Amino acid sequence: MGHHVDILLIRHSLTVCNEQKRYNGWKDEHLSPNGRAAAQMLSQRMPLVDRVCSSDLTRACETASILFPGHEIQAFPEFREVNFGCWEGKRYDELMDEPSYRQWLEDAEQFYPPDGETLPTFYKRVNQGWEKLLQEANARKAHRLAVVTHAGVIRVLLDTWARREDVTFWDWKIPFGVGYWISGLYEKERKEFQCISLQEEHFMESTNG
């Protein structure tokens, strides 16, 4: 019998880059005033959890601290957003004429941002963090965990553990205010995780009544 876990994946709140629709990967930013206010509102709806983890980037750590006050936040570098390299901080209209950008939009598995991260490398990094998270949950006998991270990271985890044949990586829409519960069993000896269910929870709708 494996170790049962319910893991809530939730995206960080808004930054200025997000509000301006700029690519924001490893570029480290604080939450914007609007982002902090949205996180404060959402904090009223957060479920009880045993442990709280986040990406090590500031926007995720700040969101986690607001959503789960009183919890120690464990930062995972593996749960950083994809590295957009030379495209960090730029908008679509600033990149649309670059051949490398158009190639990436058409085939992100074969092409990647200059000085950035390939999609296979990103998948490998995120899933190494997932394995680390599961090992620590098993060791600490934690069953309900929250992970505050980035849209790309959540897409990787959903595509890996709750894959649907008719849904691609980019088809997953990951807005702030929607949580994704992945429930499953972790077998420590074999280092295997079996996803039992995936459930969406719309916290923002609950907050707004």
N, C-alpha and C. Protein backbone atom coordinates (compact mmCIF):
# COMPACT_ATOMS: atom_id res chain seq x y z
N MET A 1 0.85 -1.20 0.00
CA MET A 1 0.00 0.00 0.00
C MET A 1 0.88 1.24 0.00
N GLY A 2 0.64 2.14 -0.94
CA GLY A 2 1.46 3.34 -1.05
C GLY A 2 1.00 4.43 -0.10
N HIS A 3 1.77 5.52 -0.11
CA HIS A 3 1.46 6.69 0.71
C HIS A 3 0.49 7.58 -0.07
N HIS A 4 -0.71 7.80 0.49
CA HIS A 4 -1.72 8.61 -0.20
C HIS A 4 -1.45 10.09 0.00
N VAL A 5 -1.52 10.85 -1.11
CA VAL A 5 -1.35 12.30 -1.04
C VAL A 5 -2.43 13.00 -1.85
N ASP A 6 -2.83 14.16 -1.36
CA ASP A 6 -3.67 15.09 -2.11
C ASP A 6 -2.85 16.37 -2.23
N ILE A 7 -2.48 16.71 -3.45
CA ILE A 7 -1.57 17.85 -3.66
C ILE A 7 -2.29 18.92 -4.46
N LEU A 8 -2.37 20.11 -3.87
CA LEU A 8 -3.01 21.25 -4.51
C LEU A 8 -1.96 22.07 -5.26
N LEU A 9 -2.15 22.22 -6.56
CA LEU A 9 -1.28 23.07 -7.38
C LEU A 9 -2.00 24.38 -7.64
N ILE A 10 -1.34 25.48 -7.32
CA ILE A 10 -1.98 26.78 -7.54
C ILE A 10 -0.94 27.78 -8.05
N ARG A 11 -1.35 28.57 -9.00
CA ARG A 11 -0.45 29.55 -9.62
C ARG A 11 -0.27 30.76 -8.71
N HIS A 12 0.93 31.35 -8.80
CA HIS A 12 1.19 32.59 -8.06
C HIS A 12 0.28 33.71 -8.55
N SER A 13 0.15 34.76 -7.75
CA SER A 13 -0.67 35.90 -8.11
C SER A 13 0.09 36.83 -9.07
N LEU A 14 -0.52 37.95 -9.42
CA LEU A 14 -0.03 38.80 -10.50
C LEU A 14 1.22 39.60 -10.16
N THR A 15 2.07 39.77 -11.17
CA THR A 15 3.20 40.69 -11.13
C THR A 15 2.95 41.77 -12.18
N VAL A 16 3.80 42.79 -12.19
CA VAL A 16 3.67 43.82 -13.22
C VAL A 16 3.87 43.21 -14.61
N CYS A 17 4.82 42.29 -14.74
CA CYS A 17 5.04 41.60 -16.02
C CYS A 17 3.78 40.88 -16.49
N ASN A 18 3.11 40.20 -15.56
CA ASN A 18 1.86 39.52 -15.92
C ASN A 18 0.82 40.52 -16.40
N GLU A 19 0.69 41.61 -15.69
CA GLU A 19 -0.32 42.62 -16.04
C GLU A 19 -0.04 43.24 -17.40
N GLN A 20 1.25 43.33 -17.76
CA GLN A 20 1.63 43.90 -19.05
C GLN A 20 1.79 42.84 -20.14
N LYS A 21 1.43 41.58 -19.79
CA LYS A 21 1.50 40.45 -20.74
C LYS A 21 2.91 40.26 -21.30
N ARG A 22 3.89 40.32 -20.40
CA ARG A 22 5.28 40.08 -20.77
C ARG A 22 5.70 38.69 -20.30
N TYR A 23 6.60 38.07 -21.04
CA TYR A 23 7.12 36.76 -20.64
C TYR A 23 7.91 36.90 -19.35
N ASN A 24 7.57 36.07 -18.39
CA ASN A 24 8.19 36.17 -17.07
C ASN A 24 8.54 34.76 -16.60
N GLY A 25 9.77 34.36 -16.82
CA GLY A 25 10.23 33.04 -16.42
C GLY A 25 11.10 33.13 -15.18
N TRP A 26 12.42 33.19 -15.38
CA TRP A 26 13.33 33.26 -14.24
C TRP A 26 13.56 34.70 -13.77
N LYS A 27 13.07 35.67 -14.51
CA LYS A 27 13.17 37.07 -14.07
C LYS A 27 12.40 37.20 -12.76
N ASP A 28 13.10 37.59 -11.70
CA ASP A 28 12.50 37.56 -10.37
C ASP A 28 11.78 38.86 -10.07
N GLU A 29 10.51 38.77 -9.78
CA GLU A 29 9.67 39.95 -9.52
C GLU A 29 8.84 39.76 -8.27
N HIS A 30 8.56 40.87 -7.60
CA HIS A 30 7.60 40.86 -6.50
C HIS A 30 6.19 40.89 -7.08
N LEU A 31 5.22 40.55 -6.25
CA LEU A 31 3.82 40.72 -6.65
C LEU A 31 3.52 42.20 -6.83
N SER A 32 2.63 42.50 -7.74
CA SER A 32 2.16 43.88 -7.90
C SER A 32 1.14 44.17 -6.79
N PRO A 33 0.80 45.45 -6.57
CA PRO A 33 -0.25 45.76 -5.60
C PRO A 33 -1.55 45.01 -5.89
N ASN A 34 -1.92 44.93 -7.16
CA ASN A 34 -3.12 44.16 -7.53
C ASN A 34 -2.96 42.69 -7.20
N GLY A 35 -1.76 42.17 -7.42
CA GLY A 35 -1.49 40.77 -7.14
C GLY A 35 -1.58 40.46 -5.66
N ARG A 36 -1.06 41.35 -4.83
CA ARG A 36 -1.13 41.14 -3.38
C ARG A 36 -2.58 41.20 -2.90
N ALA A 37 -3.34 42.13 -3.45
CA ALA A 37 -4.75 42.26 -3.04
C ALA A 37 -5.54 41.01 -3.44
N ALA A 38 -5.27 40.49 -4.64
CA ALA A 38 -5.98 39.28 -5.09
C ALA A 38 -5.62 38.08 -4.22
N ALA A 39 -4.34 37.99 -3.85
CA ALA A 39 -3.92 36.88 -2.99
C ALA A 39 -4.55 36.98 -1.60
N GLN A 40 -4.63 38.20 -1.07
CA GLN A 40 -5.27 38.39 0.24
C GLN A 40 -6.72 37.94 0.19
N MET A 41 -7.41 38.27 -0.88
CA MET A 41 -8.81 37.87 -1.01
C MET A 41 -8.93 36.35 -1.10
N LEU A 42 -8.03 35.73 -1.85
CA LEU A 42 -8.09 34.29 -2.04
C LEU A 42 -7.72 33.53 -0.77
N SER A 43 -6.93 34.14 0.09
CA SER A 43 -6.46 33.45 1.30
C SER A 43 -7.62 33.01 2.19
N GLN A 44 -8.75 33.69 2.08
CA GLN A 44 -9.92 33.34 2.89
C GLN A 44 -10.52 31.99 2.49
N ARG A 45 -10.15 31.51 1.30
CA ARG A 45 -10.76 30.29 0.77
C ARG A 45 -9.82 29.09 0.74
N MET A 46 -8.61 29.25 1.24
CA MET A 46 -7.64 28.16 1.15
C MET A 46 -7.99 27.01 2.09
N PRO A 47 -7.79 25.78 1.65
CA PRO A 47 -8.09 24.61 2.48
C PRO A 47 -7.00 24.37 3.52
N LEU A 48 -7.28 23.53 4.47
CA LEU A 48 -6.28 23.12 5.44
C LEU A 48 -5.32 22.13 4.79
N VAL A 49 -4.03 22.34 4.99
CA VAL A 49 -3.02 21.44 4.43
C VAL A 49 -1.96 21.17 5.49
N ASP A 50 -1.21 20.09 5.28
CA ASP A 50 -0.14 19.73 6.21
C ASP A 50 1.14 20.51 5.94
N ARG A 51 1.43 20.72 4.66
CA ARG A 51 2.67 21.38 4.28
C ARG A 51 2.42 22.31 3.11
N VAL A 52 3.26 23.36 3.02
CA VAL A 52 3.17 24.32 1.92
C VAL A 52 4.55 24.44 1.27
N CYS A 53 4.58 24.28 -0.04
CA CYS A 53 5.81 24.40 -0.81
C CYS A 53 5.59 25.41 -1.92
N SER A 54 6.69 25.92 -2.47
CA SER A 54 6.56 26.87 -3.57
C SER A 54 7.81 26.83 -4.43
N SER A 55 7.71 27.44 -5.59
CA SER A 55 8.89 27.78 -6.37
C SER A 55 9.77 28.68 -5.51
N ASP A 56 11.06 28.75 -5.83
CA ASP A 56 11.94 29.62 -5.05
C ASP A 56 11.94 31.06 -5.55
N LEU A 57 11.16 31.37 -6.60
CA LEU A 57 11.09 32.74 -7.09
C LEU A 57 10.17 33.57 -6.20
N THR A 58 10.49 34.86 -6.09
CA THR A 58 9.85 35.74 -5.12
C THR A 58 8.33 35.77 -5.27
N ARG A 59 7.84 35.85 -6.49
CA ARG A 59 6.38 35.97 -6.68
C ARG A 59 5.63 34.76 -6.15
N ALA A 60 6.24 33.60 -6.24
CA ALA A 60 5.59 32.39 -5.71
C ALA A 60 5.69 32.33 -4.19
N CYS A 61 6.86 32.67 -3.66
CA CYS A 61 7.03 32.65 -2.19
C CYS A 61 6.11 33.66 -1.52
N GLU A 62 5.98 34.86 -2.11
CA GLU A 62 5.09 35.86 -1.54
C GLU A 62 3.64 35.39 -1.58
N THR A 63 3.23 34.80 -2.69
CA THR A 63 1.86 34.30 -2.80
C THR A 63 1.60 33.22 -1.76
N ALA A 64 2.54 32.29 -1.62
CA ALA A 64 2.37 31.20 -0.65
C ALA A 64 2.24 31.74 0.77
N SER A 65 3.04 32.75 1.10
CA SER A 65 3.00 33.32 2.46
C SER A 65 1.67 34.01 2.73
N ILE A 66 1.09 34.62 1.70
CA ILE A 66 -0.20 35.29 1.87
C ILE A 66 -1.34 34.27 1.93
N LEU A 67 -1.29 33.27 1.06
CA LEU A 67 -2.38 32.29 1.01
C LEU A 67 -2.42 31.39 2.23
N PHE A 68 -1.23 31.09 2.77
CA PHE A 68 -1.15 30.14 3.89
C PHE A 68 -0.35 30.75 5.05
N PRO A 69 -0.88 31.80 5.68
CA PRO A 69 -0.16 32.44 6.79
C PRO A 69 0.03 31.46 7.94
N GLY A 70 1.19 31.55 8.56
CA GLY A 70 1.47 30.67 9.68
C GLY A 70 2.18 29.39 9.29
N HIS A 71 2.21 29.08 7.99
CA HIS A 71 2.92 27.89 7.52
C HIS A 71 4.36 28.24 7.17
N GLU A 72 5.26 27.33 7.46
CA GLU A 72 6.62 27.45 6.93
C GLU A 72 6.56 27.10 5.44
N ILE A 73 7.19 27.92 4.61
CA ILE A 73 7.18 27.71 3.17
C ILE A 73 8.51 27.07 2.76
N GLN A 74 8.44 25.90 2.15
CA GLN A 74 9.64 25.25 1.65
C GLN A 74 9.77 25.56 0.17
N ALA A 75 10.88 26.18 -0.22
CA ALA A 75 11.08 26.59 -1.60
C ALA A 75 11.80 25.50 -2.40
N PHE A 76 11.29 25.22 -3.58
CA PHE A 76 11.85 24.23 -4.49
C PHE A 76 12.36 24.93 -5.76
N PRO A 77 13.67 25.00 -5.98
CA PRO A 77 14.17 25.56 -7.24
C PRO A 77 13.66 24.80 -8.46
N GLU A 78 13.37 23.51 -8.29
CA GLU A 78 12.88 22.70 -9.41
C GLU A 78 11.52 23.16 -9.92
N PHE A 79 10.79 23.91 -9.08
CA PHE A 79 9.45 24.35 -9.46
C PHE A 79 9.44 25.77 -10.02
N ARG A 80 10.63 26.26 -10.48
CA ARG A 80 10.66 27.54 -11.19
C ARG A 80 9.94 27.43 -12.53
N GLU A 81 9.49 28.58 -13.02
CA GLU A 81 8.93 28.64 -14.37
C GLU A 81 10.03 28.30 -15.38
N VAL A 82 9.63 28.01 -16.62
CA VAL A 82 10.61 27.77 -17.68
C VAL A 82 11.45 29.03 -17.88
N ASN A 83 12.71 28.85 -18.24
CA ASN A 83 13.61 29.97 -18.49
C ASN A 83 13.40 30.47 -19.92
N PHE A 84 12.90 31.70 -20.06
CA PHE A 84 12.64 32.26 -21.38
C PHE A 84 13.85 32.94 -22.00
N GLY A 85 15.00 32.90 -21.34
CA GLY A 85 16.23 33.41 -21.91
C GLY A 85 16.13 34.86 -22.37
N CYS A 86 16.48 35.10 -23.64
CA CYS A 86 16.48 36.46 -24.19
C CYS A 86 15.09 37.06 -24.34
N TRP A 87 14.07 36.24 -24.18
CA TRP A 87 12.70 36.74 -24.31
C TRP A 87 12.10 37.22 -22.99
N GLU A 88 12.85 37.09 -21.92
CA GLU A 88 12.35 37.53 -20.61
C GLU A 88 11.97 39.01 -20.66
N GLY A 89 10.78 39.31 -20.16
CA GLY A 89 10.33 40.70 -20.06
C GLY A 89 9.78 41.28 -21.34
N LYS A 90 9.71 40.47 -22.42
CA LYS A 90 9.21 40.98 -23.69
C LYS A 90 7.78 40.51 -23.94
N ARG A 91 7.07 41.27 -24.78
CA ARG A 91 5.70 40.94 -25.15
C ARG A 91 5.67 40.25 -26.52
N TYR A 92 4.52 39.67 -26.80
CA TYR A 92 4.33 39.00 -28.10
C TYR A 92 4.62 39.93 -29.26
N ASP A 93 4.11 41.17 -29.19
CA ASP A 93 4.29 42.09 -30.32
C ASP A 93 5.74 42.51 -30.51
N GLU A 94 6.57 42.34 -29.48
CA GLU A 94 7.99 42.65 -29.60
C GLU A 94 8.79 41.48 -30.17
N LEU A 95 8.19 40.31 -30.18
CA LEU A 95 8.89 39.10 -30.60
C LEU A 95 8.35 38.49 -31.89
N MET A 96 7.17 38.89 -32.31
CA MET A 96 6.45 38.18 -33.37
C MET A 96 7.21 38.13 -34.70
N ASP A 97 8.13 39.04 -34.94
CA ASP A 97 8.86 39.05 -36.20
C ASP A 97 10.18 38.29 -36.12
N GLU A 98 10.52 37.76 -34.95
CA GLU A 98 11.76 37.00 -34.82
C GLU A 98 11.53 35.55 -35.28
N PRO A 99 12.33 35.06 -36.23
CA PRO A 99 12.15 33.68 -36.73
C PRO A 99 12.21 32.63 -35.63
N SER A 100 13.14 32.80 -34.68
CA SER A 100 13.27 31.79 -33.61
C SER A 100 12.02 31.74 -32.75
N TYR A 101 11.38 32.88 -32.55
CA TYR A 101 10.16 32.92 -31.74
C TYR A 101 9.01 32.24 -32.48
N ARG A 102 8.90 32.50 -33.78
CA ARG A 102 7.83 31.88 -34.57
C ARG A 102 8.02 30.37 -34.64
N GLN A 103 9.27 29.93 -34.75
CA GLN A 103 9.54 28.49 -34.74
C GLN A 103 9.12 27.86 -33.42
N TRP A 104 9.42 28.54 -32.32
CA TRP A 104 9.08 28.04 -30.99
C TRP A 104 7.57 27.94 -30.81
N LEU A 105 6.84 28.93 -31.31
CA LEU A 105 5.38 28.89 -31.21
C LEU A 105 4.80 27.69 -31.96
N GLU A 106 5.44 27.33 -33.07
CA GLU A 106 4.96 26.21 -33.88
C GLU A 106 5.38 24.86 -33.33
N ASP A 107 6.55 24.80 -32.69
CA ASP A 107 7.06 23.51 -32.21
C ASP A 107 7.99 23.74 -31.02
N ALA A 108 7.40 23.83 -29.83
CA ALA A 108 8.19 24.13 -28.62
C ALA A 108 9.06 22.96 -28.18
N GLU A 109 8.80 21.76 -28.72
CA GLU A 109 9.63 20.61 -28.35
C GLU A 109 10.96 20.62 -29.10
N GLN A 110 10.97 21.20 -30.29
CA GLN A 110 12.19 21.22 -31.10
C GLN A 110 12.96 22.53 -30.97
N PHE A 111 12.26 23.61 -30.68
CA PHE A 111 12.89 24.93 -30.62
C PHE A 111 12.73 25.51 -29.21
N TYR A 112 13.62 26.43 -28.86
CA TYR A 112 13.57 27.02 -27.52
C TYR A 112 14.14 28.43 -27.56
N PRO A 113 13.87 29.24 -26.53
CA PRO A 113 14.33 30.63 -26.52
C PRO A 113 15.86 30.71 -26.52
N PRO A 114 16.45 31.68 -27.22
CA PRO A 114 17.89 31.88 -27.15
C PRO A 114 18.33 32.09 -25.69
N ASP A 115 19.35 31.33 -25.28
CA ASP A 115 19.85 31.36 -23.89
C ASP A 115 18.80 30.88 -22.89
N GLY A 116 17.77 30.21 -23.37
CA GLY A 116 16.70 29.73 -22.49
C GLY A 116 16.75 28.23 -22.31
N GLU A 117 15.60 27.66 -21.98
CA GLU A 117 15.49 26.27 -21.57
C GLU A 117 14.65 25.48 -22.57
N THR A 118 15.09 24.28 -22.91
CA THR A 118 14.30 23.42 -23.78
C THR A 118 13.13 22.83 -23.01
N LEU A 119 12.08 22.47 -23.72
CA LEU A 119 10.91 21.88 -23.06
C LEU A 119 11.24 20.54 -22.41
N PRO A 120 12.02 19.64 -23.06
CA PRO A 120 12.38 18.39 -22.37
C PRO A 120 13.18 18.62 -21.09
N THR A 121 14.09 19.61 -21.10
CA THR A 121 14.85 19.93 -19.89
C THR A 121 13.93 20.44 -18.80
N PHE A 122 12.97 21.26 -19.18
CA PHE A 122 11.99 21.80 -18.24
C PHE A 122 11.18 20.67 -17.61
N TYR A 123 10.68 19.76 -18.43
CA TYR A 123 9.93 18.60 -17.92
C TYR A 123 10.76 17.80 -16.93
N LYS A 124 12.00 17.54 -17.28
CA LYS A 124 12.87 16.74 -16.42
C LYS A 124 13.07 17.43 -15.07
N ARG A 125 13.34 18.72 -15.09
CA ARG A 125 13.57 19.47 -13.85
C ARG A 125 12.33 19.45 -12.96
N VAL A 126 11.18 19.75 -13.53
CA VAL A 126 9.95 19.80 -12.73
C VAL A 126 9.63 18.44 -12.13
N ASN A 127 9.79 17.39 -12.89
CA ASN A 127 9.46 16.06 -12.37
C ASN A 127 10.48 15.57 -11.36
N GLN A 128 11.71 16.07 -11.42
CA GLN A 128 12.66 15.80 -10.33
C GLN A 128 12.18 16.46 -9.04
N GLY A 129 11.63 17.67 -9.15
CA GLY A 129 11.06 18.33 -7.98
C GLY A 129 9.85 17.58 -7.44
N TRP A 130 9.03 17.04 -8.34
CA TRP A 130 7.85 16.26 -7.93
C TRP A 130 8.26 15.03 -7.13
N GLU A 131 9.28 14.32 -7.62
CA GLU A 131 9.78 13.14 -6.91
C GLU A 131 10.32 13.53 -5.53
N LYS A 132 11.05 14.63 -5.47
CA LYS A 132 11.57 15.13 -4.19
C LYS A 132 10.43 15.46 -3.23
N LEU A 133 9.39 16.11 -3.75
CA LEU A 133 8.22 16.46 -2.94
C LEU A 133 7.55 15.22 -2.38
N LEU A 134 7.37 14.20 -3.22
CA LEU A 134 6.72 12.96 -2.78
C LEU A 134 7.56 12.22 -1.74
N GLN A 135 8.87 12.20 -1.93
CA GLN A 135 9.74 11.54 -0.96
C GLN A 135 9.64 12.21 0.41
N GLU A 136 9.64 13.54 0.42
CA GLU A 136 9.57 14.27 1.68
C GLU A 136 8.19 14.13 2.32
N ALA A 137 7.14 14.11 1.51
CA ALA A 137 5.79 13.90 2.05
C ALA A 137 5.69 12.54 2.71
N ASN A 138 6.27 11.54 2.09
CA ASN A 138 6.27 10.19 2.65
C ASN A 138 7.06 10.14 3.95
N ALA A 139 8.24 10.77 3.97
CA ALA A 139 9.08 10.75 5.16
C ALA A 139 8.43 11.48 6.34
N ARG A 140 7.71 12.56 6.04
CA ARG A 140 7.08 13.37 7.09
C ARG A 140 5.64 12.95 7.38
N LYS A 141 5.18 11.92 6.66
CA LYS A 141 3.80 11.44 6.80
C LYS A 141 2.79 12.55 6.55
N ALA A 142 3.09 13.39 5.57
CA ALA A 142 2.18 14.47 5.17
C ALA A 142 1.28 13.96 4.05
N HIS A 143 0.00 14.26 4.15
CA HIS A 143 -0.96 13.76 3.16
C HIS A 143 -1.60 14.86 2.32
N ARG A 144 -1.72 16.05 2.87
CA ARG A 144 -2.32 17.17 2.13
C ARG A 144 -1.29 18.27 1.99
N LEU A 145 -0.93 18.56 0.75
CA LEU A 145 0.12 19.54 0.48
C LEU A 145 -0.38 20.58 -0.50
N ALA A 146 0.17 21.78 -0.39
CA ALA A 146 -0.09 22.84 -1.36
C ALA A 146 1.24 23.23 -2.01
N VAL A 147 1.21 23.40 -3.32
CA VAL A 147 2.39 23.84 -4.07
C VAL A 147 2.01 25.10 -4.83
N VAL A 148 2.64 26.22 -4.48
CA VAL A 148 2.40 27.49 -5.17
C VAL A 148 3.52 27.66 -6.19
N THR A 149 3.17 27.70 -7.45
CA THR A 149 4.20 27.69 -8.48
C THR A 149 3.72 28.50 -9.69
N HIS A 150 4.09 28.07 -10.88
CA HIS A 150 3.88 28.85 -12.10
C HIS A 150 3.03 28.07 -13.10
N ALA A 151 2.46 28.78 -14.06
CA ALA A 151 1.57 28.14 -15.04
C ALA A 151 2.28 27.02 -15.79
N GLY A 152 3.52 27.28 -16.23
CA GLY A 152 4.25 26.26 -16.98
C GLY A 152 4.51 25.01 -16.17
N VAL A 153 4.86 25.19 -14.91
CA VAL A 153 5.13 24.05 -14.02
C VAL A 153 3.86 23.22 -13.84
N ILE A 154 2.74 23.89 -13.62
CA ILE A 154 1.48 23.17 -13.44
C ILE A 154 1.11 22.42 -14.71
N ARG A 155 1.35 23.04 -15.87
CA ARG A 155 1.08 22.34 -17.14
C ARG A 155 1.91 21.06 -17.25
N VAL A 156 3.19 21.15 -16.89
CA VAL A 156 4.05 19.96 -16.94
C VAL A 156 3.49 18.85 -16.06
N LEU A 157 3.11 19.19 -14.84
CA LEU A 157 2.62 18.18 -13.90
C LEU A 157 1.29 17.59 -14.35
N LEU A 158 0.41 18.42 -14.87
CA LEU A 158 -0.87 17.90 -15.36
C LEU A 158 -0.67 17.03 -16.60
N ASP A 159 0.22 17.47 -17.48
CA ASP A 159 0.47 16.71 -18.70
C ASP A 159 1.17 15.39 -18.41
N THR A 160 1.96 15.36 -17.33
CA THR A 160 2.68 14.15 -16.97
C THR A 160 1.79 13.16 -16.22
N TRP A 161 1.04 13.65 -15.22
CA TRP A 161 0.34 12.76 -14.30
C TRP A 161 -1.15 12.67 -14.52
N ALA A 162 -1.73 13.58 -15.29
CA ALA A 162 -3.18 13.53 -15.56
C ALA A 162 -3.43 13.75 -17.04
N ARG A 163 -2.57 13.16 -17.85
CA ARG A 163 -2.60 13.39 -19.30
C ARG A 163 -3.93 12.96 -19.92
N ARG A 164 -4.39 13.81 -20.84
CA ARG A 164 -5.58 13.49 -21.64
C ARG A 164 -5.17 13.53 -23.10
N GLU A 165 -5.62 12.54 -23.85
CA GLU A 165 -5.20 12.42 -25.24
C GLU A 165 -5.60 13.63 -26.08
N ASP A 166 -6.71 14.26 -25.72
CA ASP A 166 -7.21 15.38 -26.52
C ASP A 166 -6.75 16.74 -25.99
N VAL A 167 -5.84 16.75 -25.01
CA VAL A 167 -5.38 18.00 -24.41
C VAL A 167 -3.86 18.07 -24.53
N THR A 168 -3.35 19.12 -25.16
CA THR A 168 -1.91 19.31 -25.29
C THR A 168 -1.39 20.16 -24.13
N PHE A 169 -0.08 20.30 -24.06
CA PHE A 169 0.57 21.12 -23.02
C PHE A 169 -0.04 22.52 -22.97
N TRP A 170 -0.18 23.16 -24.13
CA TRP A 170 -0.66 24.54 -24.17
C TRP A 170 -2.16 24.66 -23.97
N ASP A 171 -2.89 23.54 -24.09
CA ASP A 171 -4.34 23.60 -23.92
C ASP A 171 -4.76 23.82 -22.46
N TRP A 172 -3.90 23.44 -21.54
CA TRP A 172 -4.23 23.63 -20.12
C TRP A 172 -4.23 25.13 -19.80
N LYS A 173 -5.34 25.65 -19.37
CA LYS A 173 -5.44 27.06 -18.97
C LYS A 173 -5.25 27.12 -17.46
N ILE A 174 -4.30 27.93 -17.02
CA ILE A 174 -3.93 27.95 -15.60
C ILE A 174 -4.09 29.36 -15.04
N PRO A 175 -5.29 29.83 -14.81
CA PRO A 175 -5.46 31.17 -14.24
C PRO A 175 -5.21 31.17 -12.73
N PHE A 176 -4.88 32.32 -12.20
CA PHE A 176 -4.81 32.46 -10.75
C PHE A 176 -6.22 32.34 -10.20
N GLY A 177 -6.35 31.65 -9.08
CA GLY A 177 -7.66 31.47 -8.46
C GLY A 177 -8.28 30.11 -8.72
N VAL A 178 -7.63 29.32 -9.58
CA VAL A 178 -8.09 27.95 -9.83
C VAL A 178 -7.02 26.99 -9.31
N GLY A 179 -7.42 26.07 -8.46
CA GLY A 179 -6.50 25.08 -7.93
C GLY A 179 -6.72 23.73 -8.60
N TYR A 180 -5.66 22.96 -8.69
CA TYR A 180 -5.72 21.63 -9.29
C TYR A 180 -5.26 20.61 -8.26
N TRP A 181 -6.19 19.77 -7.83
CA TRP A 181 -5.88 18.73 -6.85
C TRP A 181 -5.48 17.45 -7.59
N ILE A 182 -4.24 17.03 -7.40
CA ILE A 182 -3.80 15.73 -7.89
C ILE A 182 -3.76 14.79 -6.69
N SER A 183 -4.54 13.74 -6.76
CA SER A 183 -4.58 12.74 -5.68
C SER A 183 -3.99 11.43 -6.20
N GLY A 184 -3.21 10.77 -5.35
CA GLY A 184 -2.61 9.52 -5.80
C GLY A 184 -1.85 8.80 -4.72
N LEU A 185 -1.19 7.73 -5.13
CA LEU A 185 -0.40 6.88 -4.23
C LEU A 185 1.05 6.90 -4.65
N TYR A 186 1.94 7.05 -3.66
CA TYR A 186 3.37 7.04 -3.92
C TYR A 186 4.00 5.80 -3.31
N GLU A 187 4.70 5.02 -4.15
CA GLU A 187 5.41 3.83 -3.70
C GLU A 187 6.88 4.19 -3.53
N LYS A 188 7.32 4.31 -2.28
CA LYS A 188 8.67 4.77 -2.00
C LYS A 188 9.73 3.85 -2.58
N GLU A 189 9.57 2.53 -2.39
CA GLU A 189 10.60 1.59 -2.81
C GLU A 189 10.83 1.64 -4.31
N ARG A 190 9.76 1.76 -5.07
CA ARG A 190 9.88 1.77 -6.53
C ARG A 190 9.94 3.18 -7.10
N LYS A 191 9.78 4.18 -6.23
CA LYS A 191 9.76 5.57 -6.65
C LYS A 191 8.73 5.78 -7.76
N GLU A 192 7.53 5.27 -7.52
CA GLU A 192 6.46 5.35 -8.50
C GLU A 192 5.27 6.11 -7.92
N PHE A 193 4.68 6.95 -8.74
CA PHE A 193 3.47 7.67 -8.34
C PHE A 193 2.34 7.29 -9.27
N GLN A 194 1.21 6.95 -8.70
CA GLN A 194 0.01 6.63 -9.48
C GLN A 194 -1.06 7.68 -9.21
N CYS A 195 -1.40 8.43 -10.23
CA CYS A 195 -2.46 9.43 -10.09
C CYS A 195 -3.81 8.73 -10.09
N ILE A 196 -4.61 9.01 -9.06
CA ILE A 196 -5.94 8.42 -8.95
C ILE A 196 -7.02 9.37 -9.49
N SER A 197 -6.84 10.66 -9.21
CA SER A 197 -7.86 11.62 -9.67
C SER A 197 -7.27 13.01 -9.81
N LEU A 198 -7.92 13.80 -10.66
CA LEU A 198 -7.61 15.22 -10.83
C LEU A 198 -8.90 16.00 -10.66
N GLN A 199 -8.85 17.04 -9.83
CA GLN A 199 -10.05 17.84 -9.60
C GLN A 199 -9.68 19.32 -9.62
N GLU A 200 -10.47 20.11 -10.34
CA GLU A 200 -10.30 21.56 -10.34
C GLU A 200 -11.16 22.17 -9.23
N GLU A 201 -10.61 23.20 -8.58
CA GLU A 201 -11.39 23.92 -7.57
C GLU A 201 -11.26 25.41 -7.86
N HIS A 202 -12.40 26.07 -8.04
CA HIS A 202 -12.41 27.48 -8.43
C HIS A 202 -12.58 28.34 -7.18
N PHE A 203 -11.46 28.71 -6.59
CA PHE A 203 -11.49 29.47 -5.34
C PHE A 203 -12.00 30.89 -5.54
N MET A 204 -11.64 31.52 -6.64
CA MET A 204 -12.03 32.91 -6.85
C MET A 204 -13.53 33.04 -6.98
N GLU A 205 -14.17 32.08 -7.66
CA GLU A 205 -15.63 32.12 -7.79
C GLU A 205 -16.28 32.01 -6.42
N SER A 206 -15.70 31.16 -5.55
CA SER A 206 -16.25 31.01 -4.20
C SER A 206 -16.11 32.31 -3.42
N THR A 207 -14.95 32.98 -3.61
CA THR A 207 -14.72 34.24 -2.90
C THR A 207 -15.72 35.30 -3.32
N ASN A 208 -16.04 35.31 -4.62
CA ASN A 208 -16.96 36.33 -5.13
C ASN A 208 -18.42 35.96 -4.94
N GLY A 209 -18.66 34.83 -4.28
CA GLY A 209 -20.02 34.42 -4.00
C GLY A 209 -20.64 33.64 -5.15
